[in-house]
Amino acid sequence: MSGIFYGVGVGPGDPELLTLKAVKVIKAADVIIAPKTEKKEDSIALSIARPYLKKNVEILRLVFPMVNNVDTLTDAWLNNKNSILAELKAGKKVVFLTLGDPMFYSTYMYIYRLLKDSGHEIQTVPGVPAFCAIGSRLGQPLAEGTEVLSIIPATMQEDEMDKILSLADNVVLMKVYKNFTQVVEKLKQHGFGDNAVMISKCGLPDEQINYNLDEVDGKQVTYLSTILAKKRKLG
């Protein structure tokens, strides 16, 4: 009997933001894949899903090194693929947990590509992206009327970021932990500086909200930090 592989988005942090389908799939899982990017980190996605785990579920904490594309995957990725395939060949329901949505800047996308031609059934369960939760948390519409919303990975080339910031009405900046200071300067240059807010760990117990980005120590910005900015006044 062939197993089923599920990619499940667990949202930004609050366990109550999981969809009903996500909870149903997690509760029925035989194996939970808890991905990590570094060995020293615990899996935040696992901690979010923990209220819904059955007692006897098997948990595999697998380290997935950061990659830019599936063609440059390391041996660790290929070993993880083989571990997952072994569980699927045993007929198990394998659930891969991922923060936010599985198809939005997620590790899951790479493992999906590795497994999609394996002959096993794959089901992807969407989740609430962090920027959507942030808009709700702040009571701030992400886009309205004819406004343009741009979602920008802060790691992109500076000239490309300049082009987008010159056209967008509202922006969501992801991955700002790597070059926070440069990102803040770019926002100021393009008229977003006075109307920007950063949330770190949205929905988690240690959530932080910063309305004055000049007061933020760039060295303290975490991986789970997102900036929402507008060219017109927030609120």
Protein backbone atom coordinates (compact mmCIF):
# COMPACT_ATOMS: atom_id res chain seq x y z
CA MET A 1 0.00 0.00 0.00
CA SER A 2 1.39 3.39 -1.02
CA GLY A 3 1.46 6.19 1.52
CA ILE A 4 0.31 9.79 1.04
CA PHE A 5 2.52 12.85 1.38
CA TYR A 6 0.93 16.03 2.72
CA GLY A 7 2.38 19.52 2.77
CA VAL A 8 0.56 21.46 5.48
CA GLY A 9 0.79 25.19 6.10
CA VAL A 10 0.52 25.91 9.84
CA GLY A 11 0.21 29.69 9.47
CA PRO A 12 2.36 32.37 11.11
CA GLY A 13 2.29 31.31 14.75
CA ASP A 14 -1.12 31.13 16.41
CA PRO A 15 -2.28 27.46 16.48
CA GLU A 16 -5.88 28.67 16.13
CA LEU A 17 -5.11 30.02 12.65
CA LEU A 18 -4.71 26.52 11.19
CA THR A 19 -7.48 25.58 8.77
CA LEU A 20 -9.92 22.81 9.64
CA LYS A 21 -8.39 20.69 6.87
CA ALA A 22 -4.88 21.22 8.23
CA VAL A 23 -5.97 20.09 11.69
CA LYS A 24 -7.73 17.04 10.26
CA VAL A 25 -4.66 15.97 8.28
CA ILE A 26 -2.28 16.53 11.20
CA LYS A 27 -4.47 14.51 13.57
CA ALA A 28 -4.50 11.58 11.12
CA ALA A 29 -0.76 11.60 10.43
CA ASP A 30 1.43 8.55 11.01
CA VAL A 31 4.61 10.58 10.55
CA ILE A 32 5.22 14.29 11.08
CA ILE A 33 8.16 15.89 9.27
CA ALA A 34 9.45 18.83 11.34
CA PRO A 35 11.85 20.73 9.05
CA LYS A 36 14.70 22.85 10.39
CA THR A 37 17.25 24.99 8.57
CA GLU A 38 19.99 24.58 11.16
CA LYS A 39 20.73 21.84 13.67
CA LYS A 40 20.73 24.28 16.59
CA GLU A 41 17.16 25.43 15.93
CA ASP A 42 13.99 23.73 17.02
CA SER A 43 11.08 23.51 14.59
CA ILE A 44 8.70 26.43 15.08
CA ALA A 45 6.21 24.79 12.72
CA LEU A 46 6.13 21.73 15.00
CA SER A 47 5.49 23.84 18.09
CA ILE A 48 2.52 25.49 16.34
CA ALA A 49 1.02 22.16 15.29
CA ARG A 50 1.72 20.38 18.58
CA PRO A 51 -1.80 20.84 20.08
CA TYR A 52 -3.17 18.66 17.26
CA LEU A 53 -0.67 15.79 17.28
CA LYS A 54 -1.86 12.35 18.31
CA LYS A 55 0.10 10.70 21.11
CA ASN A 56 1.72 7.94 19.09
CA VAL A 57 2.70 9.96 16.03
CA GLU A 58 6.26 9.53 14.79
CA ILE A 59 8.20 12.80 14.53
CA LEU A 60 11.14 13.16 12.15
CA ARG A 61 13.19 16.31 12.80
CA LEU A 62 15.02 16.78 9.51
CA VAL A 63 17.57 19.48 8.77
CA PHE A 64 17.05 21.18 5.39
CA PRO A 65 19.97 23.51 4.58
CA MET A 66 18.97 26.76 2.87
CA VAL A 67 19.08 26.51 -0.96
CA ASN A 68 18.22 28.78 -3.89
CA ASN A 69 17.02 26.14 -6.32
CA VAL A 70 16.38 22.43 -6.52
CA ASP A 71 19.39 21.85 -8.80
CA THR A 72 21.85 22.74 -6.04
CA LEU A 73 20.44 20.56 -3.30
CA THR A 74 22.95 19.09 -0.90
CA ASP A 75 23.37 15.50 0.22
CA ALA A 76 21.30 16.37 3.29
CA TRP A 77 18.32 17.12 1.07
CA LEU A 78 18.69 13.92 -0.89
CA ASN A 79 19.02 11.91 2.32
CA ASN A 80 15.85 13.56 3.64
CA LYS A 81 14.07 12.68 0.40
CA ASN A 82 15.05 9.03 0.83
CA SER A 83 13.89 9.04 4.45
CA ILE A 84 10.48 10.36 3.41
CA LEU A 85 10.20 7.87 0.55
CA ALA A 86 10.90 5.01 2.96
CA GLU A 87 7.94 6.10 5.10
CA LEU A 88 5.70 6.43 2.05
CA LYS A 89 6.68 3.00 0.75
CA ALA A 90 5.62 1.64 4.14
CA GLY A 91 2.11 2.97 3.44
CA LYS A 92 2.17 5.79 5.98
CA LYS A 93 0.50 9.19 5.97
CA VAL A 94 3.42 11.60 6.05
CA VAL A 95 2.80 15.24 6.93
CA PHE A 96 5.41 17.89 6.16
CA LEU A 97 4.81 20.97 8.32
CA THR A 98 5.71 24.43 7.04
CA LEU A 99 5.24 27.95 8.36
CA GLY A 100 2.71 30.14 6.58
CA ASP A 101 1.60 28.72 3.25
CA PRO A 102 3.38 25.76 1.59
CA MET A 103 3.64 27.50 -1.77
CA PHE A 104 4.92 30.85 -0.48
CA TYR A 105 8.69 31.10 0.14
CA SER A 106 8.62 27.65 1.70
CA THR A 107 11.05 24.77 2.08
CA TYR A 108 8.15 22.53 1.10
CA MET A 109 8.28 23.66 -2.53
CA TYR A 110 11.67 22.03 -3.01
CA ILE A 111 10.76 18.73 -1.39
CA TYR A 112 7.50 18.76 -3.41
CA ARG A 113 9.51 18.94 -6.62
CA LEU A 114 11.73 16.09 -5.47
CA LEU A 115 8.74 13.85 -4.72
CA LYS A 116 6.16 14.79 -7.35
CA ASP A 117 7.32 12.10 -9.79
CA SER A 118 7.83 9.43 -7.14
CA GLY A 119 4.48 7.74 -7.83
CA HIS A 120 3.06 8.61 -4.41
CA GLU A 121 -0.02 10.77 -3.91
CA ILE A 122 0.73 14.32 -2.78
CA GLN A 123 -1.76 16.72 -1.23
CA THR A 124 -0.94 20.34 -0.36
CA VAL A 125 -2.97 22.12 2.32
CA PRO A 126 -2.73 25.92 2.20
CA GLY A 127 -2.10 28.05 5.26
CA VAL A 128 -2.36 31.68 6.36
CA PRO A 129 0.71 33.65 5.18
CA ALA A 130 2.39 35.86 7.79
CA PHE A 131 1.68 39.08 5.91
CA CYS A 132 -2.07 38.35 5.91
CA ALA A 133 -1.99 37.75 9.65
CA ILE A 134 -0.01 40.97 10.10
CA GLY A 135 -2.64 43.00 8.23
CA SER A 136 -5.33 41.60 10.50
CA ARG A 137 -3.22 42.03 13.64
CA LEU A 138 -2.67 45.73 12.87
CA GLY A 139 -6.16 46.40 11.52
CA GLN A 140 -4.41 47.52 8.37
CA PRO A 141 -5.71 46.70 4.85
CA LEU A 142 -2.95 45.30 2.67
CA ALA A 143 -4.44 46.77 -0.51
CA GLU A 144 -7.70 48.46 -1.41
CA GLY A 145 -9.30 49.89 -4.50
CA THR A 146 -6.72 50.13 -7.28
CA GLU A 147 -3.67 50.04 -4.99
CA VAL A 148 -0.76 47.83 -5.99
CA LEU A 149 0.67 45.48 -3.37
CA SER A 150 4.18 44.15 -3.94
CA ILE A 151 5.69 41.29 -1.95
CA ILE A 152 9.46 41.68 -1.91
CA PRO A 153 12.17 39.34 -0.64
CA ALA A 154 14.63 41.77 0.94
CA THR A 155 17.49 39.66 -0.40
CA MET A 156 16.82 40.69 -4.02
CA GLN A 157 19.18 42.90 -6.03
CA GLU A 158 19.08 46.59 -5.05
CA ASP A 159 18.29 47.85 -8.56
CA GLU A 160 15.35 45.45 -8.82
CA MET A 161 14.06 46.56 -5.42
CA ASP A 162 14.30 50.20 -6.52
CA LYS A 163 12.12 49.47 -9.54
CA ILE A 164 9.43 47.79 -7.47
CA LEU A 165 9.41 50.41 -4.72
CA SER A 166 9.06 53.15 -7.31
CA LEU A 167 5.83 51.59 -8.63
CA ALA A 168 4.15 50.02 -5.60
CA ASP A 169 1.58 51.67 -3.33
CA ASN A 170 1.98 49.10 -0.56
CA VAL A 171 4.80 46.65 0.10
CA VAL A 172 5.43 43.57 2.18
CA LEU A 173 9.12 42.95 2.77
CA MET A 174 10.11 39.40 3.69
CA LYS A 175 13.49 38.09 4.91
CA VAL A 176 14.53 41.48 6.28
CA TYR A 177 16.79 39.96 8.92
CA LYS A 178 19.75 39.71 6.54
CA ASN A 179 20.05 43.37 5.52
CA PHE A 180 17.63 45.30 7.72
CA THR A 181 19.54 48.61 7.71
CA GLN A 182 19.75 48.74 3.91
CA VAL A 183 16.06 47.89 3.61
CA VAL A 184 15.06 50.77 5.91
CA GLU A 185 17.14 53.19 3.84
CA LYS A 186 15.46 51.98 0.64
CA LEU A 187 12.03 52.54 2.16
CA LYS A 188 12.97 56.10 3.08
CA GLN A 189 14.32 56.81 -0.40
CA HIS A 190 11.03 55.78 -1.99
CA GLY A 191 8.62 57.52 0.37
CA PHE A 192 7.71 54.62 2.66
CA GLY A 193 9.83 55.59 5.66
CA ASP A 194 7.13 57.31 7.74
CA ASN A 195 4.52 54.61 7.17
CA ALA A 196 6.31 51.35 7.88
CA VAL A 197 5.87 48.81 10.65
CA MET A 198 7.71 45.58 11.41
CA ILE A 199 6.28 42.59 13.22
CA SER A 200 8.51 39.83 14.48
CA LYS A 201 7.09 36.40 15.36
CA CYS A 202 3.49 37.40 14.62
CA GLY A 203 1.04 35.35 16.68
CA LEU A 204 3.71 33.79 18.89
CA PRO A 205 4.03 34.53 22.63
CA ASP A 206 7.14 36.69 22.08
CA GLU A 207 5.66 38.75 19.23
CA GLN A 208 7.11 42.24 18.81
CA ILE A 209 5.69 45.24 16.90
CA ASN A 210 7.94 48.16 15.91
CA TYR A 211 6.39 51.31 14.40
CA ASN A 212 9.67 53.26 14.40
CA LEU A 213 12.19 51.27 12.38
CA ASP A 214 14.96 53.74 13.23
CA GLU A 215 14.80 52.48 16.81
CA VAL A 216 15.32 48.84 15.82
CA ASP A 217 18.74 47.25 16.27
CA GLY A 218 19.37 45.52 12.94
CA LYS A 219 21.47 42.86 14.66
CA GLN A 220 18.47 41.81 16.75
CA VAL A 221 16.06 41.31 13.83
CA THR A 222 14.92 37.69 13.69
CA TYR A 223 14.20 35.35 10.79
CA LEU A 224 10.46 35.67 11.48
CA SER A 225 10.31 39.42 10.83
CA THR A 226 8.20 41.12 8.17
CA ILE A 227 7.79 44.79 7.25
CA LEU A 228 4.51 46.27 6.01
CA ALA A 229 4.83 49.73 4.44
CA LYS A 230 2.59 52.20 2.59
CA LYS A 231 3.18 55.40 0.66
CA ARG A 232 0.16 56.95 2.36
CA LYS A 233 -0.50 57.08 6.09
CA LEU A 234 -1.02 53.80 7.91
CA GLY A 235 -4.49 53.31 9.35
